[in-house]
Amino acid sequence: MTNRKNWIKTGLQNVALFMFSLVFILLIGEWLFPKYLNKVPFRLYGGVDNNLRVLAQYSKQSVIPENYIAIFGDSNSVGVGDLYIDLSKGNGDWYPDYAPAHFLHNKLETDVVSFGFAGAGSLDGIWSGPIKQFEYINSMGFDLKPPKTILVLFYEGNDIGNNLQFIRENYKGNEAIGELQHSVKFNEWLNRQFQNSITEYSAGFREGFVFTNFLIKSVENIFFEKSKQGEEFERIIFPAIPIAEAVIGGKAVPLPVHLQAPPLFGVTPFEKKRGFSDDGLPIGYYIFERAIKKTKEFFSSSEIKLIYLPSTLTSYKLNSPTVSFRGNMGDGGIADSKNLTQRHLEVCKEILKISQKLNISFFDTTQYLREASSKGYIHGPKDWDHLNESGYRALSDSISEFLLHPNKHYENCIN
């Protein structure tokens, strides 16, 4: 009986010692971890709270960036693409360069971070997402100052489409889409969307345990990665008889089907059936303009520069009379190459007009990406919706030139 009591007593003591040690380690981690967030390796970056990942990015000198450049936008602003896919499978480098922020940081020798995230449209990618991250970070006790410079990436391939999808899914009015911009009801609704999207930004009790949450999320990610092993990326189709061709290396080479293009509404069979048309373009531009204006008001001390990123198809010198493209709703269509190029110019000029109206700098990267694509593919071979390493380097080099030589004359929105 005495031995049993001693065994239970010893067991309880061991459990208590273990729990005390665990709590002590976690407390030490909670104290130290926030001071070294920018030292989190690439493979563990996904374990950091989404709203704190700006601090964990290693494209800066310390946890809190100083006099920094901030990038706002969608998946292009965070480096989604083939390079990221390959690095995620493991390469031995703890801090690899794969996103515009890394390449710009190396080129400009200044702190660069991205507030962007995949799937973002204008309202969340330019306005609510960055604002919520910025205020959340400071609610956690960090002293993050506004950026010195903000680069807003406009992606021709789906930004306008994302804005229209947001309206279709959330607005319940019965006005025709061409009437929305001047509708009192719609503008009151849109004002509420801008305001409501940033109301909840402060961290709760659970979110305060940054290190503990990081450990839990990292373990979850490890199991998730194992469960995803063996899955293949969506198959890219190159037809036996090419529909679309581009000039690369002085030769006509094929492009895969269903690539992203400038916004062409009502061209695919599905969109024709649903009654979609180009009447929605003005309201798509309007939401983008409103998001830029709101961001400019919030970050009043920051200099905003608008960077125009062409769609996949318009990043190449097309050599075929027609192209295969992916419509706004995901279905495929065939378009005349001249019409596609014309739409590219129209969209670029509309975004340029918005920048001039709001008195912010504008830079069109199209000619730089086309120069890079004349030497080789700058998308794929797995992910054709995003730039590969050559593409991101060309994009970053062009932006670096624009930032280093702001008074140089740049040709924008030309064929």
Foldseek 3Di string as FASTA:
>chain_A
DVVVVVVVVVVVVVVVVVVVVVVVVLVVCLVCCLQQLCQQFPLLLQLFDLLQSQQNHVLADGSAFDLEEEEFDAPLQVQDADVSVVCNVPDPDRHDDRHLSNLLCVLVVGHYGYQYYHPDEQLCRQALSSLLSVVQVVLLVDDHDFHQEYEYEDEQQPRLLSLVVCCVVPPDDDDDLLCQVVDPVNVVVVVCSNVVSNPDRYDDPVVNSRSVSSVVSSVVVVVVVVVCPPDAFPDWDQDPDAQWWFAALNDTDHDTAAFGAGAAACFDPVRVVVVTHCSNNVVSLVSNLVSNVNSCVVSVNHAYEYEYHGGLVLLGHIDHQKGWHAHSVGDIGIDGPVVRLVSRLVVQVSVVVSCVVVVHHYDYLSVQSHVLPNHHRQHDPRGSRHGGPSNSSSSSVRVSVCVVCVPDDDDTSDD
